[in-house]
Protein backbone atom coordinates (compact mmCIF):
# COMPACT_ATOMS: atom_id res chain seq x y z
CA MET A 1 -23.37 3.61 -38.22
CA ALA A 2 -21.27 5.21 -40.95
CA ARG A 3 -20.98 8.47 -39.01
CA TRP A 4 -19.86 6.60 -35.89
CA TRP A 5 -17.17 4.73 -37.84
CA TRP A 6 -15.92 7.97 -39.38
CA TRP A 7 -15.72 9.54 -35.92
CA TRP A 8 -13.66 6.60 -34.68
CA LYS A 9 -11.34 6.37 -37.69
CA ALA A 10 -10.66 10.05 -38.24
CA ASP A 11 -9.30 10.91 -34.79
CA LYS A 12 -8.52 14.40 -36.06
CA ARG A 13 -9.55 16.01 -32.78
CA GLY A 14 -8.28 13.25 -30.52
CA PHE A 15 -11.72 11.75 -29.92
CA ARG A 16 -10.36 8.22 -30.07
CA GLY A 17 -7.67 9.04 -27.51
CA LEU A 18 -10.25 10.65 -25.21
CA THR A 19 -12.50 7.59 -25.51
CA LEU A 20 -9.65 5.21 -24.70
CA ALA A 21 -8.57 7.33 -21.73
CA LEU A 22 -12.12 7.23 -20.35
CA TRP A 23 -12.25 3.49 -21.01
CA ALA A 24 -8.98 2.88 -19.15
CA GLY A 25 -9.91 5.12 -16.23
CA PHE A 26 -13.42 3.79 -15.70
CA LEU A 27 -12.67 0.09 -16.18
CA GLY A 28 -9.49 0.44 -14.12
CA TRP A 29 -11.66 1.67 -11.27
CA MET A 30 -14.20 -1.12 -11.80
CA ALA A 31 -11.38 -3.67 -11.55
CA TRP A 32 -10.01 -2.27 -8.29
CA PRO A 33 -10.94 -3.27 -4.73
CA PRO A 34 -13.51 -3.39 -3.34
CA HIS A 35 -14.77 -4.62 -6.72
CA HIS A 36 -14.06 -8.28 -7.40
CA HIS A 37 -12.87 -8.25 -11.03
CA PRO A 38 -9.09 -7.60 -11.03
CA LEU A 39 -8.43 -9.08 -14.49
CA VAL A 40 -10.68 -6.41 -16.00
CA LEU A 41 -7.53 -4.28 -15.75
CA ALA A 42 -6.26 -6.11 -18.84
CA ILE A 43 -9.41 -5.15 -20.73
CA ALA A 44 -9.01 -1.58 -19.48
CA PHE A 45 -5.41 -1.16 -20.64
CA ALA A 46 -5.16 -3.34 -23.77
CA PRO A 47 -6.81 -0.80 -26.15
CA LEU A 48 -4.60 1.95 -24.69
CA VAL A 49 -1.47 -0.13 -25.33
CA HIS A 50 -2.53 -0.66 -28.95
CA TYR A 51 -3.27 3.04 -29.42
CA VAL A 52 0.05 4.18 -27.90
CA GLN A 53 1.95 1.79 -30.19
CA GLN A 54 0.21 3.17 -33.30
CA THR A 55 -0.21 6.91 -32.87
CA THR A 56 2.18 9.85 -32.61
CA ILE A 57 4.30 10.25 -29.49
CA ARG A 58 2.56 13.47 -28.49
CA ARG A 59 -0.90 11.95 -28.72
CA ALA A 60 0.29 8.74 -27.07
CA VAL A 61 1.70 10.55 -24.05
CA GLY A 62 -1.30 12.89 -23.75
CA THR A 63 -3.80 10.04 -23.95
CA ALA A 64 -1.83 7.87 -21.52
CA PHE A 65 -1.58 10.71 -19.00
CA LEU A 66 -5.31 11.36 -19.23
CA GLY A 67 -6.03 7.65 -18.80
CA MET A 68 -3.77 7.41 -15.74
CA LEU A 69 -5.26 10.62 -14.35
CA LEU A 70 -8.82 9.31 -14.66
CA TRP A 71 -7.86 5.93 -13.20
CA ASN A 72 -6.22 7.60 -10.20
CA PHE A 73 -9.16 9.99 -9.85
CA PHE A 74 -11.87 7.32 -9.89
CA THR A 75 -9.92 4.96 -7.63
CA THR A 76 -8.35 7.21 -4.99
CA PHE A 77 -10.14 10.54 -4.97
CA TRP A 78 -11.65 9.53 -1.62
CA ILE A 79 -8.52 11.26 -0.21
CA ARG A 80 -10.48 14.50 -0.65
CA HIS A 81 -12.38 13.73 2.57
CA ALA A 82 -9.13 14.36 4.46
CA THR A 83 -7.61 17.05 2.24
CA LEU A 84 -8.81 18.29 -1.16
CA PRO A 85 -5.48 19.90 -2.18
CA GLY A 86 -3.66 16.75 -1.09
CA ALA A 87 -6.01 14.59 -3.14
CA LEU A 88 -5.51 16.73 -6.25
CA PHE A 89 -1.75 16.62 -5.78
CA ALA A 90 -1.67 12.84 -5.20
CA VAL A 91 -3.87 12.05 -8.20
CA THR A 92 -1.95 14.34 -10.57
CA ALA A 93 1.53 13.42 -9.36
CA ASN A 94 0.85 9.68 -9.49
CA ALA A 95 -0.61 10.00 -12.98
CA LEU A 96 2.51 11.86 -14.14
CA ILE A 97 4.79 9.23 -12.59
CA PHE A 98 3.04 6.38 -14.35
CA THR A 99 2.90 8.17 -17.68
CA VAL A 100 6.66 7.53 -17.95
CA PRO A 101 6.26 3.82 -18.88
CA TRP A 102 3.69 4.78 -21.53
CA TRP A 103 6.15 7.30 -22.94
CA ALA A 104 8.74 4.51 -23.06
CA LEU A 105 6.23 2.34 -24.94
CA ALA A 106 5.56 5.10 -27.46
CA MET A 107 9.28 5.70 -28.03
CA THR A 108 10.31 2.07 -28.37
CA SER A 109 7.38 1.30 -30.68
CA ARG A 110 9.27 3.30 -33.31
CA ILE A 111 12.35 1.12 -32.85
CA PHE A 112 11.23 -2.41 -32.00
CA ARG A 113 8.50 -4.72 -33.18
CA PRO A 114 5.31 -4.46 -31.08
CA ARG A 115 6.06 -7.47 -28.89
CA PHE A 116 9.51 -6.16 -27.96
CA SER A 117 8.28 -2.64 -27.33
CA PHE A 118 5.60 -4.12 -25.08
CA LEU A 119 8.25 -6.10 -23.17
CA PHE A 120 10.23 -2.88 -22.71
CA PHE A 121 7.05 -1.23 -21.44
CA VAL A 122 6.41 -4.00 -18.89
CA LEU A 123 9.99 -3.85 -17.62
CA THR A 124 9.66 -0.08 -17.26
CA TRP A 125 6.35 -0.42 -15.45
CA ILE A 126 7.60 -3.01 -12.94
CA THR A 127 10.79 -1.01 -12.35
CA TRP A 128 8.68 2.10 -11.78
CA GLU A 129 6.43 0.28 -9.32
CA TYR A 130 9.49 -0.96 -7.43
CA PHE A 131 10.94 2.55 -7.38
CA HIS A 132 7.60 3.93 -6.20
CA LEU A 133 7.75 1.55 -3.23
CA HIS A 134 11.14 2.73 -2.03
CA TRP A 135 11.60 6.47 -2.47
CA GLU A 136 10.43 9.19 -0.09
CA LEU A 137 7.44 10.11 -2.28
CA ALA A 138 6.20 6.51 -2.15
CA TRP A 139 2.53 6.07 -2.98
CA PRO A 140 2.21 2.39 -3.97
CA TRP A 141 -1.54 2.29 -3.43
CA LEU A 142 -2.14 1.53 -7.11
CA THR A 143 0.57 -1.08 -7.63
CA LEU A 144 -1.27 -3.31 -10.11
CA GLY A 145 -0.78 -6.46 -8.04
CA ASN A 146 -2.86 -4.87 -5.27
CA ALA A 147 -5.93 -5.41 -7.46
CA PHE A 148 -5.98 -9.06 -6.33
CA ALA A 149 -6.47 -8.08 -2.67
CA VAL A 150 -10.11 -9.20 -2.88
CA ARG A 151 -9.05 -12.45 -4.60
CA PRO A 152 -6.20 -13.79 -2.44
CA GLU A 153 -7.21 -17.35 -3.37
CA TRP A 154 -5.98 -16.56 -6.92
CA VAL A 155 -2.53 -15.35 -5.82
CA GLN A 156 -1.26 -17.75 -3.18
CA TRP A 157 2.01 -17.66 -5.15
CA TYR A 158 2.56 -14.13 -3.80
CA ALA A 159 4.46 -16.05 -1.11
CA TYR A 160 7.11 -16.44 -3.83
CA THR A 161 6.74 -13.29 -5.94
CA GLY A 162 5.17 -10.61 -3.78
CA VAL A 163 2.69 -8.13 -5.18
CA LEU A 164 4.86 -7.35 -8.24
CA GLY A 165 4.10 -10.86 -9.49
CA GLY A 166 0.48 -9.80 -9.75
CA SER A 167 1.48 -6.75 -11.79
CA ILE A 168 3.30 -9.01 -14.24
CA TRP A 169 0.23 -11.23 -14.45
CA ILE A 170 -1.96 -8.25 -15.41
CA TRP A 171 0.39 -7.37 -18.26
CA TRP A 172 0.64 -11.01 -19.36
CA VAL A 173 -3.14 -11.18 -19.75
CA THR A 174 -3.06 -7.80 -21.50
CA TYR A 175 -0.56 -9.10 -24.06
CA ALA A 176 -2.57 -12.30 -24.56
CA LEU A 177 -5.66 -10.17 -25.17
CA LEU A 178 -3.84 -8.02 -27.73
CA TYR A 179 -2.43 -11.11 -29.44
CA PHE A 180 -5.91 -12.63 -29.58
CA PHE A 181 -7.29 -9.66 -31.50
CA ARG A 182 -4.37 -8.69 -33.70
CA GLY A 183 -2.30 -11.86 -33.97
CA ARG A 184 -2.11 -13.86 -37.20
CA ALA A 185 -1.98 -17.36 -35.73
CA ALA A 186 -4.92 -19.76 -35.83
CA PHE A 187 -7.95 -18.74 -33.81
CA MET A 188 -7.73 -21.70 -31.44
CA LEU A 189 -4.06 -21.01 -30.78
CA ARG A 190 -4.78 -17.40 -29.91
CA LEU A 191 -7.74 -18.43 -27.75
CA GLY A 192 -5.58 -21.02 -26.00
CA GLY A 193 -2.92 -18.42 -25.27
CA LEU A 194 -5.50 -16.11 -23.71
CA ALA A 195 -7.06 -18.93 -21.68
CA ALA A 196 -3.61 -20.03 -20.43
CA ALA A 197 -2.71 -16.48 -19.35
CA VAL A 198 -5.87 -16.30 -17.27
CA ALA A 199 -6.09 -19.86 -15.96
CA LEU A 200 -2.51 -20.98 -15.26
CA PRO A 201 -1.75 -18.57 -12.36
CA ILE A 202 -5.14 -19.30 -10.79
CA THR A 203 -4.59 -23.05 -11.13
CA LEU A 204 -1.11 -22.74 -9.63
CA SER A 205 -2.61 -20.89 -6.68
CA TYR A 206 -4.99 -23.74 -5.94
CA VAL A 207 -2.34 -26.43 -6.53
CA LEU A 208 0.14 -24.94 -4.06
CA PRO A 209 -0.07 -26.66 -0.67
CA ALA A 210 -1.81 -24.68 2.04
CA PRO A 211 0.54 -23.40 4.75
CA ALA A 212 0.68 -25.76 7.71
CA ASP A 213 -0.86 -23.94 10.63
CA SER A 214 1.32 -25.39 13.38
CA GLY A 215 2.85 -23.64 16.35
CA PRO A 216 1.51 -22.25 19.62
CA SER A 217 -1.69 -20.20 19.61
CA VAL A 218 -2.78 -17.03 21.35
CA VAL A 219 -6.12 -15.23 21.54
CA VAL A 220 -6.05 -11.68 20.20
CA GLY A 221 -8.61 -8.94 20.69
CA CYS A 222 -8.84 -6.07 18.17
CA ILE A 223 -10.64 -3.03 19.58
CA GLN A 224 -12.76 -0.75 17.38
CA PRO A 225 -13.97 2.27 19.42
CA ASN A 226 -15.55 4.04 16.42
CA ILE A 227 -14.50 7.56 17.43
CA ASP A 228 -15.05 10.27 14.83
CA PRO A 229 -11.59 11.64 13.92
CA TYR A 230 -12.92 15.08 13.05
CA GLU A 231 -15.44 15.77 15.81
CA GLU A 232 -14.23 13.68 18.79
CA LYS A 233 -10.84 12.08 18.40
CA PHE A 234 -8.66 15.07 19.21
CA ASP A 235 -11.14 16.95 21.40
CA GLN A 236 -9.62 17.14 24.88
CA LYS A 237 -13.10 17.34 26.40
CA THR A 238 -13.89 13.79 25.31
CA ALA A 239 -10.41 12.28 25.92
CA GLU A 240 -11.33 10.58 29.18
CA ASP A 241 -14.52 9.12 27.71
CA GLN A 242 -12.54 7.79 24.75
CA LEU A 243 -10.12 5.98 27.04
CA GLU A 244 -12.91 4.48 29.13
CA THR A 245 -14.55 3.22 25.94
CA LEU A 246 -11.31 1.49 24.94
CA ILE A 247 -10.96 -0.09 28.40
CA ALA A 248 -14.59 -1.25 28.47
CA LEU A 249 -14.25 -2.88 25.05
CA SER A 250 -10.96 -4.46 26.11
CA GLU A 251 -12.64 -5.95 29.18
CA LYS A 252 -15.17 -7.51 26.84
CA ALA A 253 -12.34 -9.04 24.79
CA ILE A 254 -10.59 -10.33 27.93
CA ARG A 255 -13.79 -12.07 29.02
CA GLN A 256 -13.51 -13.92 25.70
CA ARG A 257 -9.99 -15.06 26.75
CA ALA A 258 -8.01 -12.48 24.73
CA ARG A 259 -4.43 -12.15 25.99
CA ILE A 260 -3.16 -9.63 23.46
CA ILE A 261 -5.26 -6.47 23.13
CA ILE A 262 -4.69 -4.17 20.15
CA TRP A 263 -5.91 -0.56 20.14
CA PRO A 264 -5.96 1.61 16.98
CA GLU A 265 -3.51 4.22 15.76
CA THR A 266 -3.13 7.23 18.15
CA ALA A 267 -5.59 5.62 20.58
CA ILE A 268 -3.93 7.21 23.64
CA PRO A 269 -5.04 10.88 23.85
CA GLY A 270 -2.38 13.57 24.14
CA VAL A 271 1.38 13.10 23.74
CA VAL A 272 3.41 10.43 25.54
CA ASP A 273 6.93 11.34 26.65
CA GLU A 274 9.01 8.24 25.98
CA ASP A 275 11.35 8.98 28.88
CA ARG A 276 8.46 9.54 31.32
CA PRO A 277 5.39 7.75 29.87
CA ASP A 278 3.56 7.91 33.22
CA ASN A 279 3.32 11.68 32.82
CA ASN A 280 0.48 11.16 30.34
CA PRO A 281 -2.64 10.75 32.53
CA TYR A 282 -4.48 8.65 29.95
CA LEU A 283 -1.63 6.20 29.51
CA ARG A 284 -1.25 6.12 33.29
CA ARG A 285 -4.92 5.13 33.56
CA ALA A 286 -4.41 2.38 30.95
CA LEU A 287 -1.39 1.03 32.83
CA THR A 288 -3.35 1.01 36.10
CA TRP A 289 -6.04 -0.99 34.36
CA LEU A 290 -3.43 -3.44 33.01
CA GLN A 291 -2.26 -4.15 36.56
CA GLN A 292 -5.60 -5.86 37.09
CA HIS A 293 -4.78 -8.31 34.26
CA ARG A 294 -1.31 -9.64 34.84
CA ASP A 295 -1.32 -12.02 31.87
CA VAL A 296 -2.53 -9.45 29.30
CA TRP A 297 -0.44 -7.43 26.83
CA LEU A 298 -1.56 -4.17 25.25
CA ILE A 299 -0.43 -2.82 21.89
CA THR A 300 -1.67 0.72 21.32
CA GLY A 301 -1.09 3.62 19.02
CA ALA A 302 0.07 6.94 20.45
CA VAL A 303 1.80 10.15 19.47
CA THR A 304 5.09 10.07 21.40
CA GLN A 305 7.93 12.51 21.86
CA LYS A 306 11.61 12.50 22.63
CA VAL A 307 13.30 15.52 24.19
CA TYR A 308 16.94 16.24 23.32
CA VAL A 309 19.20 18.54 25.33
CA THR A 310 21.78 19.53 22.77
CA VAL A 311 23.31 22.58 21.14
CA ARG A 312 22.36 21.52 17.61
CA PRO A 313 19.19 19.77 16.40
CA PRO A 314 19.82 16.00 16.28
CA ASN A 315 17.90 15.61 13.01
CA LEU A 316 15.83 17.51 10.46
CA THR A 317 12.48 16.82 12.14
CA ALA A 318 13.42 17.88 15.68
CA ARG A 319 11.81 21.18 16.68
CA ARG A 320 13.42 23.80 18.86
CA VAL A 321 11.66 24.33 22.20
CA ARG A 322 14.15 26.77 23.62
CA GLU A 323 17.87 27.32 23.53
CA GLY A 324 19.59 23.94 23.70
CA VAL A 325 16.36 21.91 23.88
CA TYR A 326 14.71 20.12 20.93
CA VAL A 327 11.75 17.75 20.67
CA ASP A 328 10.86 15.10 18.11
CA TYR A 329 7.34 13.68 17.65
CA PHE A 330 6.56 10.17 16.42
CA ASN A 331 3.52 8.25 15.24
CA SER A 332 4.13 5.22 17.43
CA LEU A 333 2.98 1.89 18.73
CA LEU A 334 3.87 0.93 22.26
CA ALA A 335 3.73 -2.40 24.06
CA ALA A 336 2.75 -2.56 27.73
CA ASN A 337 1.77 -5.02 30.41
CA ASP A 338 1.20 -4.88 34.16
CA ALA A 339 4.87 -3.87 34.63
CA GLY A 340 4.48 -0.77 32.44
CA VAL A 341 5.58 0.24 28.95
CA THR A 342 8.15 -2.21 27.62
CA ALA A 343 8.82 -1.07 24.04
CA PHE A 344 8.17 1.70 21.52
CA TYR A 345 7.95 1.43 17.74
CA HIS A 346 8.16 4.52 15.54
CA LYS A 347 6.33 4.51 12.24
CA LYS A 348 8.87 4.27 9.41
CA LYS A 349 6.77 4.68 6.27
CA LEU A 350 5.35 8.17 6.72
CA VAL A 351 2.68 9.50 4.36
CA PRO A 352 4.36 12.07 2.06
CA GLY A 353 3.08 15.58 2.65
CA VAL A 354 0.74 14.61 5.49
CA GLU A 355 3.23 13.12 7.96
CA SER A 356 6.56 14.02 6.42
CA LEU A 357 8.24 16.36 3.99
CA PRO A 358 10.08 14.25 1.39
CA TYR A 359 13.74 15.13 0.86
CA PRO A 360 13.67 17.95 3.44
CA ARG A 361 17.17 19.19 2.60
CA LEU A 362 16.06 19.79 -0.98
CA LEU A 363 12.39 20.68 -0.45
CA GLY A 364 12.53 22.46 2.90
CA PHE A 365 11.01 25.60 1.37
CA LEU A 366 7.75 23.62 0.84
CA ARG A 367 7.03 23.14 4.56
CA PRO A 368 4.25 25.81 4.64
CA LEU A 369 2.62 24.20 1.57
CA MET A 370 2.73 20.75 3.20
CA ALA A 371 0.85 22.21 6.17
CA ASP A 372 -1.81 23.55 3.79
CA LEU A 373 -2.17 20.08 2.27
CA GLY A 374 -3.22 18.75 5.65
CA GLY A 375 0.20 17.78 6.98
CA VAL A 376 2.34 18.83 9.90
CA THR A 377 4.83 21.64 9.34
CA GLY A 378 7.73 19.90 11.06
CA GLY A 379 6.68 16.37 10.14
CA TYR A 380 6.88 13.28 12.29
CA GLY A 381 10.26 11.88 13.14
CA THR A 382 11.40 8.32 12.60
CA ASP A 383 14.44 6.14 13.07
CA GLU A 384 16.36 3.39 11.32
CA ALA A 385 15.66 0.59 13.82
CA VAL A 386 13.57 -2.19 12.27
CA GLU A 387 12.82 -4.59 15.11
CA PRO A 388 9.70 -6.59 15.95
CA LEU A 389 7.61 -5.38 18.84
CA ALA A 390 8.30 -7.78 21.72
CA LEU A 391 5.53 -9.07 23.97
CA ASP A 392 7.74 -11.18 26.22
CA THR A 393 8.60 -14.18 23.99
CA VAL A 394 6.00 -13.30 21.32
CA LEU A 395 7.16 -11.01 18.52
CA THR A 396 4.92 -9.07 16.17
CA ALA A 397 5.56 -7.12 12.96
CA PRO A 398 4.10 -3.65 13.67
CA ALA A 399 2.38 -1.70 10.90
CA VAL A 400 0.92 1.73 11.56
CA CYS A 401 -1.74 2.57 8.97
CA TYR A 402 -0.04 3.18 5.61
CA GLU A 403 2.79 0.75 6.41
CA SER A 404 0.53 -2.23 5.76
CA VAL A 405 0.83 -1.50 2.02
CA PHE A 406 4.58 -2.28 2.01
CA GLY A 407 5.25 -6.01 1.87
CA ASP A 408 8.97 -5.55 1.23
CA PHE A 409 9.14 -3.50 4.44
CA LEU A 410 7.13 -5.81 6.68
CA ARG A 411 9.20 -8.81 5.65
CA LEU A 412 12.16 -7.27 7.52
CA PHE A 413 10.32 -7.86 10.79
CA VAL A 414 9.43 -11.42 9.80
CA GLN A 415 13.09 -12.09 9.00
CA GLN A 416 13.83 -11.16 12.61
CA GLY A 417 11.33 -13.61 14.01
CA ALA A 418 7.97 -11.81 14.04
CA HIS A 419 5.26 -14.40 14.67
CA PHE A 420 2.28 -12.39 13.43
CA ILE A 421 1.43 -8.97 11.94
CA THR A 422 -0.24 -6.18 13.90
CA VAL A 423 -1.96 -3.38 11.96
CA ALA A 424 -3.14 -0.34 13.93
CA THR A 425 -4.86 2.31 11.85
CA ASN A 426 -7.41 5.11 11.72
CA ASP A 427 -9.24 5.05 8.39
CA GLY A 428 -12.04 7.31 9.59
CA TRP A 429 -10.44 10.30 7.85
CA TRP A 430 -11.82 9.09 4.52
CA GLY A 431 -15.41 8.55 5.55
CA PRO A 432 -17.61 5.78 4.07
CA THR A 433 -15.67 5.50 0.81
CA ASP A 434 -13.64 2.86 -1.01
CA GLY A 435 -10.53 4.02 0.85
CA TYR A 436 -11.03 2.08 4.08
CA ARG A 437 -12.13 -1.02 2.14
CA GLN A 438 -9.03 -0.97 -0.06
CA HIS A 439 -6.78 -0.52 2.95
CA PHE A 440 -8.34 -3.47 4.76
CA HIS A 441 -8.02 -5.80 1.76
CA TYR A 442 -4.36 -4.87 1.21
CA ALA A 443 -3.58 -6.42 4.61
CA ARG A 444 -4.78 -9.74 3.17
CA LEU A 445 -1.94 -9.64 0.64
CA ARG A 446 0.63 -9.10 3.39
CA ALA A 447 -0.72 -12.20 5.13
CA VAL A 448 -0.26 -14.24 1.93
CA GLU A 449 3.20 -12.88 1.10
CA LEU A 450 4.59 -13.58 4.56
CA ARG A 451 2.29 -16.44 5.64
CA ARG A 452 1.49 -14.70 8.90
CA TRP A 453 -1.74 -14.29 10.79
CA THR A 454 -2.71 -10.63 10.77
CA ALA A 455 -4.65 -8.79 13.47
CA ARG A 456 -6.02 -5.39 12.47
CA SER A 457 -7.45 -2.76 14.79
CA ALA A 458 -9.04 0.22 13.00
CA ASN A 459 -10.56 3.17 14.84
CA THR A 460 -13.74 3.22 12.75
CA GLY A 461 -13.27 -0.06 10.87
CA ILE A 462 -12.67 -2.43 9.28
CA SER A 463 -11.07 -4.39 12.13
CA GLY A 464 -10.44 -8.07 11.64
CA ILE A 465 -8.35 -11.21 11.83
CA ILE A 466 -6.83 -12.65 8.65
CA ASP A 467 -5.25 -16.07 8.24
CA PRO A 468 -1.98 -16.84 6.34
CA GLN A 469 -3.94 -17.56 3.15
CA GLY A 470 -5.47 -14.09 3.18
CA GLN A 471 -8.92 -15.28 4.22
CA VAL A 472 -10.85 -13.05 6.61
CA ILE A 473 -11.68 -15.14 9.67
CA GLN A 474 -13.54 -12.42 11.55
CA GLN A 475 -14.23 -8.75 10.92
CA LEU A 476 -16.19 -5.82 12.30
CA GLU A 477 -17.65 -3.56 9.65
CA TYR A 478 -17.13 0.18 9.29
CA ASP A 479 -18.83 2.67 11.63
CA ARG A 480 -19.53 0.14 14.37
CA LYS A 481 -18.23 -0.06 17.93
CA GLY A 482 -17.07 -3.42 19.17
CA VAL A 483 -14.34 -6.03 19.38
CA VAL A 484 -13.00 -8.81 17.19
CA VAL A 485 -11.61 -11.75 19.18
CA GLY A 486 -9.95 -14.76 17.60
CA THR A 487 -7.24 -17.36 17.99
CA ILE A 488 -4.12 -16.96 15.87
CA ARG A 489 -1.09 -19.18 15.40
CA LEU A 490 2.44 -17.97 16.05
CA ARG A 491 4.51 -18.91 13.00
CA ASP A 492 8.25 -18.75 12.49
CA ASP A 493 8.67 -20.14 8.94
CA LEU A 494 9.96 -17.89 6.15
CA THR A 495 8.44 -17.72 2.69
CA TYR A 496 10.62 -17.23 -0.36
CA TYR A 497 9.33 -13.68 -0.56
CA ALA A 498 10.16 -13.04 3.10
CA ARG A 499 13.75 -14.03 2.36
CA THR A 500 14.19 -12.18 -0.95
CA GLY A 501 11.69 -9.30 -1.01
CA ASP A 502 10.79 -7.52 -4.25
CA TYR A 503 13.45 -9.26 -6.34
CA LEU A 504 11.19 -8.99 -9.41
CA GLY A 505 11.54 -5.22 -9.27
CA ARG A 506 15.32 -5.43 -9.06
CA LEU A 507 15.44 -7.96 -11.89
CA ALA A 508 13.18 -5.78 -14.04
CA GLY A 509 15.46 -2.80 -13.44
CA PHE A 510 18.51 -4.79 -14.50
CA LEU A 511 16.83 -6.07 -17.69
CA LEU A 512 15.53 -2.58 -18.42
CA LEU A 513 19.08 -1.24 -18.53
CA ILE A 514 20.00 -3.90 -21.09
CA PHE A 515 16.93 -3.17 -23.20
CA ALA A 516 17.56 0.59 -22.94
CA ALA A 517 21.08 0.07 -24.29
CA LEU A 518 19.69 -2.00 -27.17
CA ALA A 519 17.02 0.62 -27.87
CA PHE A 520 19.57 3.41 -27.93
CA SER A 521 21.90 1.52 -30.27
CA LYS A 522 19.08 0.61 -32.64
CA TYR A 523 17.76 4.17 -32.57
CA TYR A 524 21.23 5.36 -33.52
CA VAL A 525 21.41 2.92 -36.42
CA VAL A 526 17.87 3.53 -37.67
CA ARG A 527 17.58 7.28 -37.23
CA VAL A 528 21.10 8.68 -37.21
CA LYS A 529 22.65 6.43 -39.84
CA LYS A 530 19.45 6.67 -41.92
CA PHE A 531 19.21 2.94 -42.44
CA PRO A 532 15.76 1.82 -43.57
CA TYR A 533 13.58 0.58 -40.75
CA ILE A 534 11.93 -2.78 -41.38
CA ARG A 535 9.19 -3.61 -38.88
């Protein structure tokens, strides 16, 4: 026992920092979906907060980076199934990005009392999460509030705060835990503070009135063809069989009274020319089939193209075909009925490196590297139009794969009248890992934030129907072929979050500027003027 205590107290070789980094990484993973213990994140990070506030800046930053690296590795290294270099880059880059708030905690701990340095840390963290949702290298997969995706009944107030409210809750419980162990108040007072931090948000969630499920209804069918993305999906020899599988499953859904059929991301084989969609034989076959069902709408994923006849390229993603002719490719959803294709939607939130090159004017020289990471050399194109996908009088908020992680983005469609959310994805790239489970559960948070029914069609699963409280009404598990058919309500009410978006991130950024000014002025007084520092 004495030797163990000496090992812990000495910390001459950084053993304590290594232990805390492993603790944060492992417990952070255990708290994350699909595991059902999100508040364990507070237990994971509380010892690291205490350590960073007490040790040297160099050790604090090194330990924090290692902790963030291990947390990212354990939680998201399933990306390696699609691209090993991309996974290594994503894990390392995200760990570096979220080491910045820990560095801020270490710096301000030398200026402020612990509680104020912790407040500065939380403001930095929330600002960083907000920033990470909105720049071109966005990878908000590990926004702390996403941890509650498997517990939507605890966070019904996301309809007011969005996912950043959950991040604040994690840090509130973390502070209560630290105060419980190192505070000087009476034991019962400290215990009460910890219990309140855990129980009050959960109680509020159950007290809030359930959303009234009024409005017209429609039966939706989500198709899951279960086509292997590596061996079959893009093999031209099996393209016709793939389409017939989709049609056969759709017929099954129609027999169950489905009137909106949703196919997964890139379900239509080949490339669809948006000016002449009938030129694609597979889409032409799907449209011929739709003519047999005059009251049915189809939403399907497809790779589409636009051809430009112009002297200069119209944008940075357009590729030169020949002199004066350029082509742009899009990861799209299209809506069609018996009259033909009625609307196209181009994916806006492209996966950095895989689908797009961030800041191409600045990083254009990295295009060959992006291809090596599993991406496309030119990248997919996109546009600025944010409009719901119209199915006659019914409007839906379209989300292609990765877009379902962005609540602040999807709310723009709801503001314009979207009645429900459509998610079309292909999660088969990651194999039977936590990746597809996490992605499915994140859609439950979008349903809560925007109070919209959500219909999700995934190539290999999980497909499902989610109600406005984030509860899964029906689902089809991974690696199974079939359909999910259910009745959804068409809603037109707006939640507070739908109207305001991630206002907590903007507020945190504003307060952070004020605190940064205070920190700088106090640093100047304490360190430059050589005034004694009194903690």
